[in-house]
Amino acid sequence: MLYGPEGCNLFIYHLPQEFTDTDLASTFLPFGNVISAKVFIDKQTNLSKCFGFVSFDNPESAQVAIKAMNGFQVGTKRLKVQLKKPKDASKPY
């Protein structure tokens, strides 16, 4: 999976069960150049875990997407969209 520069990677929660990587990419394409989109699948059930990542090539597109899509209703669900935290952000030191 490709990640964009810091500040360009979004975590999307509450995706519809039937959403694919392609659906996710096309949903976020209007906001900028999507370099990757991934819906996480449960390996045991082969069903969506209803969350995923979208990576843009610049932070401005990511911010516009957050503003437009956080709380946006897709089917019966409202998306929760936020920046993916850097790996070392959770370390206290």
C-alpha atoms as a PDB file:
ATOM      1  CA  MET A   1       0.000   0.000   0.000  1.00  0.00           C
ATOM      2  CA  LEU A   2       1.309   3.448  -0.909  1.00  0.00           C
ATOM      3  CA  TYR A   3       1.306   6.325   1.527  1.00  0.00           C
ATOM      4  CA  GLY A   4       1.589   9.956   0.581  1.00  0.00           C
ATOM      5  CA  PRO A   5       3.716  12.530   2.399  1.00  0.00           C
ATOM      6  CA  GLU A   6       2.839  13.298   6.022  1.00  0.00           C
ATOM      7  CA  GLY A   7      -0.498  15.115   6.276  1.00  0.00           C
ATOM      8  CA  CYS A   8      -1.780  13.483   3.071  1.00  0.00           C
ATOM      9  CA  ASN A   9      -3.037  10.170   4.442  1.00  0.00           C
ATOM     10  CA  LEU A  10      -6.613   9.796   5.651  1.00  0.00           C
ATOM     11  CA  PHE A  11      -8.245   7.184   7.841  1.00  0.00           C
ATOM     12  CA  ILE A  12     -11.898   6.624   6.883  1.00  0.00           C
ATOM     13  CA  TYR A  13     -14.297   4.900   9.286  1.00  0.00           C
ATOM     14  CA  HIS A  14     -17.894   3.689   8.806  1.00  0.00           C
ATOM     15  CA  LEU A  15     -17.549   2.648   5.170  1.00  0.00           C
ATOM     16  CA  PRO A  16     -20.491   0.712   3.739  1.00  0.00           C
ATOM     17  CA  GLN A  17     -19.899  -3.050   3.891  1.00  0.00           C
ATOM     18  CA  GLU A  18     -19.957  -3.386   0.104  1.00  0.00           C
ATOM     19  CA  PHE A  19     -17.359  -0.643  -0.555  1.00  0.00           C
ATOM     20  CA  THR A  20     -14.311  -1.736  -2.575  1.00  0.00           C
ATOM     21  CA  ASP A  21     -10.916  -0.061  -3.032  1.00  0.00           C
ATOM     22  CA  THR A  22     -12.203   1.337  -6.342  1.00  0.00           C
ATOM     23  CA  ASP A  23     -15.352   2.759  -4.699  1.00  0.00           C
ATOM     24  CA  LEU A  24     -13.227   4.395  -2.023  1.00  0.00           C
ATOM     25  CA  ALA A  25     -10.836   5.923  -4.569  1.00  0.00           C
ATOM     26  CA  SER A  26     -13.656   7.252  -6.763  1.00  0.00           C
ATOM     27  CA  THR A  27     -15.416   8.772  -3.719  1.00  0.00           C
ATOM     28  CA  PHE A  28     -12.309  10.803  -2.825  1.00  0.00           C
ATOM     29  CA  LEU A  29     -11.040  11.535  -6.366  1.00  0.00           C
ATOM     30  CA  PRO A  30     -12.941  14.863  -6.648  1.00  0.00           C
ATOM     31  CA  PHE A  31     -10.687  16.328  -3.927  1.00  0.00           C
ATOM     32  CA  GLY A  32      -7.322  15.669  -5.573  1.00  0.00           C
ATOM     33  CA  ASN A  33      -4.893  13.094  -6.886  1.00  0.00           C
ATOM     34  CA  VAL A  34      -5.531   9.849  -4.972  1.00  0.00           C
ATOM     35  CA  ILE A  35      -2.317   7.808  -4.952  1.00  0.00           C
ATOM     36  CA  SER A  36      -3.844   4.898  -3.058  1.00  0.00           C
ATOM     37  CA  ALA A  37      -7.120   3.739  -1.533  1.00  0.00           C
ATOM     38  CA  LYS A  38      -7.489   0.599   0.550  1.00  0.00           C
ATOM     39  CA  VAL A  39     -10.531  -0.932   2.248  1.00  0.00           C
ATOM     40  CA  PHE A  40      -9.492  -3.375   4.957  1.00  0.00           C
ATOM     41  CA  ILE A  41     -10.898  -6.891   4.617  1.00  0.00           C
ATOM     42  CA  ASP A  42     -11.226  -9.484   7.382  1.00  0.00           C
ATOM     43  CA  LYS A  43      -9.104 -12.417   6.217  1.00  0.00           C
ATOM     44  CA  GLN A  44     -11.344 -14.972   7.939  1.00  0.00           C
ATOM     45  CA  THR A  45     -14.741 -13.776   6.707  1.00  0.00           C
ATOM     46  CA  ASN A  46     -13.546 -12.004   3.533  1.00  0.00           C
ATOM     47  CA  LEU A  47     -15.892  -9.133   4.467  1.00  0.00           C
ATOM     48  CA  SER A  48     -15.024  -5.468   4.781  1.00  0.00           C
ATOM     49  CA  LYS A  49     -13.975  -4.228   8.206  1.00  0.00           C
ATOM     50  CA  CYS A  50     -15.757  -0.981   7.188  1.00  0.00           C
ATOM     51  CA  PHE A  51     -12.670   1.211   7.398  1.00  0.00           C
ATOM     52  CA  GLY A  52      -9.826   2.124   5.105  1.00  0.00           C
ATOM     53  CA  PHE A  53      -7.133   4.567   4.074  1.00  0.00           C
ATOM     54  CA  VAL A  54      -6.923   7.104   1.279  1.00  0.00           C
ATOM     55  CA  SER A  55      -3.627   8.799   0.406  1.00  0.00           C
ATOM     56  CA  PHE A  56      -3.353  12.023  -1.587  1.00  0.00           C
ATOM     57  CA  ASP A  57      -0.223  13.499  -3.125  1.00  0.00           C
ATOM     58  CA  ASN A  58      -0.571  16.786  -1.188  1.00  0.00           C
ATOM     59  CA  PRO A  59      -1.895  17.923   2.211  1.00  0.00           C
ATOM     60  CA  GLU A  60      -4.266  20.542   0.753  1.00  0.00           C
ATOM     61  CA  SER A  61      -6.314  17.849  -1.000  1.00  0.00           C
ATOM     62  CA  ALA A  62      -6.415  15.834   2.224  1.00  0.00           C
ATOM     63  CA  GLN A  63      -7.718  18.839   4.200  1.00  0.00           C
ATOM     64  CA  VAL A  64     -10.396  19.614   1.601  1.00  0.00           C
ATOM     65  CA  ALA A  65     -11.477  15.948   1.645  1.00  0.00           C
ATOM     66  CA  ILE A  66     -11.728  15.942   5.456  1.00  0.00           C
ATOM     67  CA  LYS A  67     -13.876  19.091   5.451  1.00  0.00           C
ATOM     68  CA  ALA A  68     -16.146  17.784   2.690  1.00  0.00           C
ATOM     69  CA  MET A  69     -16.434  14.122   3.653  1.00  0.00           C
ATOM     70  CA  ASN A  70     -16.315  13.961   7.466  1.00  0.00           C
ATOM     71  CA  GLY A  71     -19.936  13.281   8.423  1.00  0.00           C
ATOM     72  CA  PHE A  72     -20.943  12.715   4.783  1.00  0.00           C
ATOM     73  CA  GLN A  73     -23.654  10.100   4.447  1.00  0.00           C
ATOM     74  CA  VAL A  74     -22.953   7.116   2.188  1.00  0.00           C
ATOM     75  CA  GLY A  75     -25.857   4.681   2.150  1.00  0.00           C
ATOM     76  CA  THR A  76     -26.998   4.327   5.765  1.00  0.00           C
ATOM     77  CA  LYS A  77     -23.649   5.344   7.281  1.00  0.00           C
ATOM     78  CA  ARG A  78     -21.962   8.650   8.006  1.00  0.00           C
ATOM     79  CA  LEU A  79     -18.260   8.636   7.224  1.00  0.00           C
ATOM     80  CA  LYS A  80     -15.705   9.629   9.812  1.00  0.00           C
ATOM     81  CA  VAL A  81     -12.632  11.041   8.058  1.00  0.00           C
ATOM     82  CA  GLN A  82      -9.450  12.103   9.823  1.00  0.00           C
ATOM     83  CA  LEU A  83      -5.726  12.348   9.239  1.00  0.00           C
ATOM     84  CA  LYS A  84      -3.779   9.155   9.794  1.00  0.00           C
ATOM     85  CA  LYS A  85      -1.456   9.750  12.712  1.00  0.00           C
ATOM     86  CA  PRO A  86       2.271   9.300  12.052  1.00  0.00           C
ATOM     87  CA  LYS A  87       3.649   6.032  13.423  1.00  0.00           C
ATOM     88  CA  ASP A  88       5.734   7.759  16.094  1.00  0.00           C
ATOM     89  CA  ALA A  89       2.926  10.098  17.262  1.00  0.00           C
ATOM     90  CA  SER A  90       1.696   7.537  19.788  1.00  0.00           C
ATOM     91  CA  LYS A  91       5.094   7.240  21.480  1.00  0.00           C
ATOM     92  CA  PRO A  92       5.314   9.512  24.527  1.00  0.00           C
ATOM     93  CA  TYR A  93       9.098  10.014  24.108  1.00  0.00           C
END
